Amino acid sequence: MITLEVSLGERAYPIFIGQGLLAQTNLLRPFVKGRRALIVTNEVVAPLYLGAVREALGDVQCDTLILPDGEHTKTLQTLSLIYDKLLAERHERSTTLVALGGGVIGDITGFAAATYQRGVNFIQVPTTLLSQVDSSVGGKTGVNHPLGKNMIGAFYQPQCVIADTQVLQSLPFRELKAGLAEVIKYGLIDNLPFFEWLEANVDGLVAGEQTLLAEAVKVSCQDKARIVAADEKEGGVRALLNLGHTFGHAIENAMGYGTWLHGEAVAAGMVMAADLSVRLGWISSAEARRAKALLQRAGLPVVPPAEISVADYMRLMAFDKKVVGGKIRFILMRGLGQAVIESGIDAALLEQTLEAKEQLCEI
């Protein structure tokens, strides 16, 4: 087992990474401070891992809420189901919420914890590659709104994150590939050696090789923990973690939440960011094609949906959380492993990227 720490002073917490962690009954229980817990999971994960988590909680009195699966459930209506369960079972402020699932379960359970009785403890037990390397770490919680993804939420840190890499063996192939998009993102942001390692090992990662996946989770969590410790509430450097997300969130919204998986939309969004970086003269076409090739080898989409118009992108990106003073801030690249935050991008160049579609990075 590897133990990392998100260094946030009084709100610091550990990330445990390793195989078979859910079977370690002494790992989870110490992070439940009271005598009661509510495990929030979904209909796909519950048959696989709910029993193990209940057993790991030992003498804690556990209630369970099993939600439908999918991004389309990440709404205020579903959030209310968690509140309903907590109130019906008379959970007090000393209770702990346990998020057992992927990014949707982690985000919505974390937001419920942040707001129930003005804040109760919660634990992240991520079961997808994407949630293990990204969404479970850093305290971003929330739900989607029809006008924008993750527009309603809070920064609220968990007590710990338990990333059992063995559960990735049960992950559908499409979900595994979607998670690799967020892994590749860390290499493109500020870790060129990791990007090069991914180029050498992407075939094994796609094949689900456990040793490689564990290394990818470890490095990704190290990078995210370092960035979150430096900028917890995204006032500066943490925004770099949104490489590809401004375009990607627009794709998710336009196509209908869940049609494109988050990682798939981010992958296409990172190719669009690379294309725009080339048009600005910040990276070479060869560098952009190298990034695109790695995403393609990971089995990810590198062409955005043809049916989304330039006007649609502009309308949807206007609701992005990174908009400041009416200007969209883009995360772009000045080299592989050198992401930057920029606003005031030339509208004509942006339009060229939005129109390029199948010709992205072929400048």
Protein backbone atom coordinates (compact mmCIF):
# COMPACT_ATOMS: atom_id res chain seq x y z
CA MET A 1 0.00 0.00 0.00
CA ILE A 2 1.14 3.51 -0.88
CA THR A 3 0.10 6.40 1.36
CA LEU A 4 0.10 9.98 0.10
CA GLU A 5 -1.08 13.13 1.87
CA VAL A 6 -3.03 16.12 0.69
CA SER A 7 -1.33 18.80 2.80
CA LEU A 8 -4.04 21.27 3.79
CA GLY A 9 -3.19 22.00 7.42
CA GLU A 10 -6.13 21.08 9.66
CA ARG A 11 -7.95 19.64 6.64
CA ALA A 12 -5.07 17.40 5.54
CA TYR A 13 -5.96 13.80 4.75
CA PRO A 14 -4.36 10.62 3.42
CA ILE A 15 -4.81 8.85 0.10
CA PHE A 16 -4.35 5.09 0.33
CA ILE A 17 -3.50 3.32 -2.93
CA GLY A 18 -3.08 -0.43 -3.37
CA GLN A 19 -4.66 -3.77 -4.23
CA GLY A 20 -7.21 -5.35 -1.90
CA LEU A 21 -7.67 -2.34 0.36
CA LEU A 22 -11.41 -2.86 0.76
CA ALA A 23 -10.67 -6.16 2.45
CA GLN A 24 -8.51 -4.50 5.10
CA THR A 25 -10.96 -4.09 7.97
CA ASN A 26 -8.59 -1.90 9.96
CA LEU A 27 -8.21 0.74 7.26
CA LEU A 28 -11.64 2.36 6.90
CA ARG A 29 -13.05 2.21 10.45
CA PRO A 30 -10.64 4.73 12.12
CA PHE A 31 -11.88 7.50 9.81
CA VAL A 32 -15.48 7.18 11.01
CA LYS A 33 -15.52 9.36 14.12
CA GLY A 34 -19.07 8.60 15.27
CA ARG A 35 -21.12 5.43 15.51
CA ARG A 36 -23.22 5.87 12.37
CA ALA A 37 -22.61 6.07 8.63
CA LEU A 38 -24.56 6.28 5.39
CA ILE A 39 -23.01 4.50 2.42
CA VAL A 40 -24.07 6.10 -0.86
CA THR A 41 -23.45 3.96 -3.93
CA ASN A 42 -25.15 3.00 -7.19
CA GLU A 43 -26.89 -0.02 -8.65
CA VAL A 44 -23.79 -1.15 -10.56
CA VAL A 45 -21.26 -0.90 -7.72
CA ALA A 46 -23.47 -2.11 -4.86
CA PRO A 47 -23.57 -5.81 -5.85
CA LEU A 48 -19.79 -5.83 -6.21
CA TYR A 49 -18.40 -3.92 -3.24
CA LEU A 50 -21.11 -2.80 -0.82
CA GLY A 51 -20.73 -5.91 1.33
CA ALA A 52 -16.97 -5.45 1.67
CA VAL A 53 -17.34 -1.82 2.72
CA ARG A 54 -20.02 -2.64 5.28
CA GLU A 55 -17.74 -5.30 6.75
CA ALA A 56 -14.78 -2.91 6.78
CA LEU A 57 -16.84 -0.46 8.85
CA GLY A 58 -17.01 -3.01 11.65
CA ASP A 59 -19.23 -1.94 14.54
CA VAL A 60 -20.51 1.21 12.79
CA GLN A 61 -24.28 1.30 12.32
CA CYS A 62 -24.64 1.56 8.54
CA ASP A 63 -27.52 2.72 6.39
CA THR A 64 -27.32 2.40 2.62
CA LEU A 65 -28.65 4.40 -0.29
CA ILE A 66 -28.37 2.84 -3.76
CA LEU A 67 -28.81 5.36 -6.56
CA PRO A 68 -29.22 4.86 -10.32
CA ASP A 69 -26.01 4.87 -12.35
CA GLY A 70 -24.95 7.58 -14.77
CA GLU A 71 -24.01 11.23 -15.21
CA HIS A 72 -27.65 12.12 -15.86
CA THR A 73 -28.38 11.44 -12.18
CA LYS A 74 -25.98 14.12 -10.94
CA THR A 75 -28.76 16.59 -10.16
CA LEU A 76 -30.36 18.50 -7.33
CA GLN A 77 -33.22 15.99 -7.43
CA THR A 78 -30.86 13.08 -6.71
CA LEU A 79 -29.10 15.12 -4.04
CA SER A 80 -32.44 15.46 -2.27
CA LEU A 81 -32.70 11.67 -2.09
CA ILE A 82 -29.57 11.65 0.07
CA TYR A 83 -31.02 14.32 2.36
CA ASP A 84 -34.29 12.36 2.52
CA LYS A 85 -32.45 9.22 3.66
CA LEU A 86 -30.37 11.07 6.24
CA LEU A 87 -33.42 12.76 7.73
CA ALA A 88 -35.66 9.68 7.62
CA GLU A 89 -33.04 7.67 9.50
CA ARG A 90 -32.36 10.59 11.89
CA HIS A 91 -28.67 10.95 11.17
CA GLU A 92 -27.03 13.57 13.34
CA ARG A 93 -24.04 15.83 12.81
CA SER A 94 -21.72 13.08 14.05
CA THR A 95 -22.55 10.80 11.12
CA THR A 96 -20.17 10.01 8.24
CA LEU A 97 -21.11 9.67 4.58
CA VAL A 98 -19.19 7.08 2.56
CA ALA A 99 -19.07 7.65 -1.20
CA LEU A 100 -18.68 4.24 -2.85
CA GLY A 101 -18.55 4.63 -6.62
CA GLY A 102 -17.22 6.73 -9.44
CA GLY A 103 -17.06 10.47 -9.94
CA VAL A 104 -20.81 11.06 -9.90
CA ILE A 105 -21.27 9.30 -6.54
CA GLY A 106 -18.20 11.01 -5.08
CA ASP A 107 -19.25 14.49 -6.20
CA ILE A 108 -22.87 14.26 -5.13
CA THR A 109 -22.15 12.52 -1.81
CA GLY A 110 -19.45 15.07 -1.00
CA PHE A 111 -21.86 17.91 -1.67
CA ALA A 112 -24.48 16.28 0.55
CA ALA A 113 -21.86 16.00 3.30
CA ALA A 114 -20.86 19.63 2.87
CA THR A 115 -24.44 20.82 3.30
CA TYR A 116 -26.23 18.37 5.60
CA GLN A 117 -26.55 20.08 8.98
CA ARG A 118 -23.94 22.53 7.65
CA GLY A 119 -21.30 19.87 7.25
CA VAL A 120 -20.64 16.26 8.25
CA ASN A 121 -17.63 14.03 7.61
CA PHE A 122 -17.31 11.94 4.46
CA ILE A 123 -14.95 9.38 2.98
CA GLN A 124 -14.15 8.74 -0.67
CA VAL A 125 -13.97 5.13 -1.87
CA PRO A 126 -13.55 5.61 -5.64
CA THR A 127 -14.23 2.60 -7.87
CA THR A 128 -13.35 3.93 -11.34
CA LEU A 129 -9.98 4.92 -12.75
CA LEU A 130 -11.20 8.45 -13.41
CA SER A 131 -12.37 8.93 -9.83
CA GLN A 132 -9.24 7.36 -8.35
CA VAL A 133 -6.87 9.64 -10.27
CA ASP A 134 -8.94 12.83 -10.24
CA SER A 135 -12.38 13.50 -8.82
CA SER A 136 -11.96 11.81 -5.41
CA VAL A 137 -8.95 13.99 -4.55
CA GLY A 138 -9.14 17.71 -3.87
CA GLY A 139 -12.56 18.34 -2.36
CA LYS A 140 -14.52 19.46 -5.40
CA THR A 141 -18.14 18.41 -4.86
CA GLY A 142 -21.31 19.30 -6.67
CA VAL A 143 -24.06 18.60 -9.16
CA ASN A 144 -24.81 19.59 -12.73
CA HIS A 145 -27.32 22.16 -13.94
CA PRO A 146 -28.99 22.07 -17.37
CA LEU A 147 -26.99 25.19 -18.30
CA GLY A 148 -23.60 24.00 -17.06
CA LYS A 149 -21.64 21.11 -15.56
CA ASN A 150 -20.69 21.24 -11.86
CA MET A 151 -22.10 24.74 -11.51
CA ILE A 152 -23.63 24.05 -8.08
CA GLY A 153 -21.28 22.73 -5.42
CA ALA A 154 -18.71 23.37 -2.72
CA PHE A 155 -15.06 22.80 -1.88
CA TYR A 156 -15.24 20.22 0.91
CA GLN A 157 -12.43 17.83 1.77
CA PRO A 158 -12.93 14.16 2.72
CA GLN A 159 -11.44 12.43 5.75
CA CYS A 160 -9.51 10.06 3.50
CA VAL A 161 -9.47 8.51 0.03
CA ILE A 162 -9.19 4.74 -0.34
CA ALA A 163 -8.23 3.80 -3.90
CA ASP A 164 -8.31 0.01 -4.21
CA THR A 165 -6.76 -0.63 -7.63
CA GLN A 166 -8.06 -4.21 -7.60
CA VAL A 167 -11.60 -2.95 -8.22
CA LEU A 168 -10.46 -1.65 -11.62
CA GLN A 169 -10.54 -5.27 -12.83
CA SER A 170 -14.34 -5.07 -12.86
CA LEU A 171 -14.41 -1.75 -14.69
CA PRO A 172 -16.04 -1.76 -18.16
CA PHE A 173 -13.47 -1.20 -20.91
CA ARG A 174 -15.02 2.10 -21.98
CA GLU A 175 -14.80 3.44 -18.40
CA LEU A 176 -11.15 2.36 -18.12
CA LYS A 177 -10.26 4.26 -21.29
CA ALA A 178 -12.19 7.32 -20.11
CA GLY A 179 -10.11 7.35 -16.95
CA LEU A 180 -6.90 7.34 -18.97
CA ALA A 181 -7.84 10.78 -20.34
CA GLU A 182 -7.40 12.29 -16.88
CA VAL A 183 -4.14 10.35 -16.40
CA ILE A 184 -2.73 11.73 -19.67
CA LYS A 185 -3.83 15.20 -18.58
CA TYR A 186 -1.30 15.22 -15.74
CA GLY A 187 1.53 14.55 -18.18
CA LEU A 188 0.40 17.38 -20.45
CA ILE A 189 -0.01 19.88 -17.61
CA ASP A 190 3.42 19.86 -15.97
CA ASN A 191 4.96 16.39 -15.93
CA LEU A 192 6.75 15.65 -19.19
CA PRO A 193 8.58 12.57 -17.79
CA PHE A 194 5.19 11.07 -16.89
CA PHE A 195 3.89 11.87 -20.39
CA GLU A 196 6.87 10.02 -21.84
CA TRP A 197 6.26 7.09 -19.46
CA LEU A 198 2.65 6.98 -20.68
CA GLU A 199 3.81 6.91 -24.30
CA ALA A 200 5.94 3.85 -23.45
CA ASN A 201 3.26 2.07 -21.40
CA VAL A 202 -0.14 3.07 -22.79
CA ASP A 203 -0.74 -0.30 -24.44
CA GLY A 204 -0.30 -2.07 -21.10
CA LEU A 205 -2.57 0.43 -19.38
CA VAL A 206 -5.30 -0.14 -21.95
CA ALA A 207 -4.85 -3.89 -21.37
CA GLY A 208 -5.48 -3.32 -17.65
CA GLU A 209 -2.06 -4.39 -16.35
CA GLN A 210 -2.32 -3.95 -12.57
CA THR A 211 1.25 -2.81 -11.91
CA LEU A 212 1.03 -0.12 -14.56
CA LEU A 213 -2.39 1.06 -13.41
CA ALA A 214 -1.16 1.32 -9.81
CA GLU A 215 1.79 3.45 -10.96
CA ALA A 216 -0.52 5.68 -13.02
CA VAL A 217 -2.85 6.18 -10.05
CA LYS A 218 0.08 6.94 -7.74
CA VAL A 219 1.70 9.57 -9.99
CA SER A 220 -1.65 11.17 -10.85
CA CYS A 221 -2.59 11.47 -7.17
CA GLN A 222 0.86 12.83 -6.29
CA ASP A 223 0.50 15.53 -8.93
CA LYS A 224 -3.04 16.45 -7.95
CA ALA A 225 -2.26 16.47 -4.21
CA ARG A 226 0.67 18.82 -4.84
CA ILE A 227 -1.44 21.23 -6.89
CA VAL A 228 -4.40 21.16 -4.49
CA ALA A 229 -2.10 21.85 -1.53
CA ALA A 230 -0.81 24.93 -3.34
CA ASP A 231 -4.23 26.22 -4.39
CA GLU A 232 -7.19 24.54 -2.67
CA LYS A 233 -9.98 26.69 -4.11
CA GLU A 234 -8.74 27.21 -7.67
CA GLY A 235 -7.63 30.80 -7.35
CA GLY A 236 -4.61 30.15 -9.56
CA VAL A 237 -2.54 27.08 -10.42
CA ARG A 238 -5.31 24.57 -9.68
CA ALA A 239 -7.15 25.79 -12.77
CA LEU A 240 -4.47 24.01 -14.81
CA LEU A 241 -6.18 20.74 -13.86
CA ASN A 242 -8.98 21.81 -16.20
CA LEU A 243 -6.95 21.25 -19.36
CA GLY A 244 -9.48 20.21 -22.00
CA HIS A 245 -12.41 20.73 -19.65
CA THR A 246 -13.77 24.00 -21.04
CA PHE A 247 -14.28 22.38 -24.43
CA GLY A 248 -15.13 19.02 -22.84
CA HIS A 249 -17.88 20.32 -20.57
CA ALA A 250 -19.49 22.00 -23.58
CA ILE A 251 -19.44 18.66 -25.41
CA GLU A 252 -21.03 16.84 -22.46
CA ASN A 253 -23.77 19.43 -22.14
CA ALA A 254 -24.51 19.71 -25.86
CA MET A 255 -24.72 15.94 -26.34
CA GLY A 256 -26.69 15.33 -23.14
CA TYR A 257 -25.01 14.35 -19.88
CA GLY A 258 -23.86 10.73 -20.07
CA THR A 259 -23.90 10.39 -23.86
CA TRP A 260 -20.18 11.13 -23.90
CA LEU A 261 -18.36 10.01 -20.77
CA HIS A 262 -16.52 12.79 -18.97
CA GLY A 263 -13.10 11.40 -19.88
CA GLU A 264 -14.09 11.03 -23.53
CA ALA A 265 -15.18 14.66 -23.71
CA VAL A 266 -12.02 15.82 -21.92
CA ALA A 267 -9.87 13.85 -24.40
CA ALA A 268 -11.45 15.61 -27.38
CA GLY A 269 -11.21 18.87 -25.42
CA MET A 270 -7.47 18.41 -24.87
CA VAL A 271 -6.98 17.90 -28.61
CA MET A 272 -8.90 21.13 -29.20
CA ALA A 273 -6.71 22.90 -26.62
CA ALA A 274 -3.59 21.58 -28.38
CA ASP A 275 -4.93 22.76 -31.75
CA LEU A 276 -5.62 26.25 -30.41
CA SER A 277 -2.15 26.34 -28.85
CA VAL A 278 -0.65 25.63 -32.28
CA ARG A 279 -2.72 28.39 -33.90
CA LEU A 280 -1.44 30.81 -31.26
CA GLY A 281 2.14 29.80 -32.09
CA TRP A 282 2.82 28.39 -28.62
CA ILE A 283 3.50 24.76 -29.52
CA SER A 284 4.51 23.05 -32.74
CA SER A 285 2.21 20.94 -34.88
CA ALA A 286 4.47 17.99 -34.10
CA GLU A 287 3.92 18.44 -30.33
CA ALA A 288 0.15 18.71 -30.81
CA ARG A 289 0.08 15.57 -32.95
CA ARG A 290 2.13 13.75 -30.31
CA ALA A 291 -0.47 14.56 -27.66
CA LYS A 292 -3.27 13.58 -30.02
CA ALA A 293 -1.54 10.29 -30.88
CA LEU A 294 -1.25 9.26 -27.22
CA LEU A 295 -4.94 9.92 -26.62
CA GLN A 296 -5.77 7.96 -29.76
CA ARG A 297 -3.63 5.02 -28.65
CA ALA A 298 -5.56 5.04 -25.38
CA GLY A 299 -8.72 4.43 -27.38
CA LEU A 300 -10.13 7.89 -26.72
CA PRO A 301 -12.03 10.14 -29.13
CA VAL A 302 -9.85 12.84 -30.69
CA VAL A 303 -12.59 14.36 -32.88
CA PRO A 304 -15.42 16.33 -31.24
CA PRO A 305 -19.03 15.72 -32.30
CA ALA A 306 -19.70 17.10 -35.77
CA GLU A 307 -23.17 18.33 -34.83
CA ILE A 308 -22.01 20.96 -32.30
CA SER A 309 -21.84 24.37 -33.96
CA VAL A 310 -19.45 27.20 -33.18
CA ALA A 311 -22.40 29.15 -31.75
CA ASP A 312 -23.28 26.22 -29.49
CA TYR A 313 -19.73 26.03 -28.16
CA MET A 314 -19.59 29.75 -27.47
CA ARG A 315 -22.96 29.73 -25.72
CA LEU A 316 -22.09 26.76 -23.52
CA MET A 317 -18.54 27.84 -22.72
CA ALA A 318 -19.92 31.16 -21.48
CA PHE A 319 -21.27 29.21 -18.47
CA ASP A 320 -17.86 27.73 -17.64
CA LYS A 321 -16.73 28.26 -14.02
CA LYS A 322 -13.46 29.78 -15.25
CA VAL A 323 -15.19 32.76 -16.88
CA VAL A 324 -13.83 35.94 -15.27
CA GLY A 325 -15.10 39.40 -16.18
CA GLY A 326 -17.09 37.93 -19.04
CA LYS A 327 -13.97 36.39 -20.60
CA ILE A 328 -13.43 32.64 -20.91
CA ARG A 329 -10.13 31.50 -19.40
CA PHE A 330 -8.65 28.65 -21.40
CA ILE A 331 -6.07 26.14 -20.25
CA LEU A 332 -3.64 25.83 -23.15
CA MET A 333 -0.05 24.69 -23.68
CA ARG A 334 3.28 26.38 -24.33
CA GLY A 335 4.89 22.97 -24.67
CA LEU A 336 4.20 19.38 -23.67
CA GLY A 337 4.11 19.44 -19.88
CA GLN A 338 3.76 23.24 -19.83
CA ALA A 339 0.11 24.20 -19.41
CA VAL A 340 -0.88 27.85 -18.95
CA ILE A 341 -4.02 29.82 -18.10
CA GLU A 342 -5.00 32.38 -20.71
CA SER A 343 -7.94 34.69 -21.35
CA GLY A 344 -8.64 37.13 -24.13
CA ILE A 345 -7.90 34.58 -26.86
CA ASP A 346 -8.19 35.85 -30.44
CA ALA A 347 -11.78 35.07 -31.44
CA ALA A 348 -10.85 34.25 -35.02
CA LEU A 349 -8.31 31.63 -33.95
CA LEU A 350 -10.74 30.12 -31.46
CA GLU A 351 -13.36 29.87 -34.20
CA GLN A 352 -10.86 28.09 -36.45
CA THR A 353 -10.30 25.45 -33.75
CA LEU A 354 -14.03 25.03 -33.18
CA GLU A 355 -14.57 24.51 -36.91
CA ALA A 356 -11.58 22.19 -37.46
CA LYS A 357 -13.18 18.98 -36.14
CA GLU A 358 -11.47 16.10 -38.05
CA GLN A 359 -8.55 18.36 -38.97
CA LEU A 360 -7.56 19.22 -35.39
CA CYS A 361 -3.77 19.40 -34.89
CA GLU A 362 -3.21 18.92 -38.62
CA ILE A 363 -2.18 22.54 -39.22
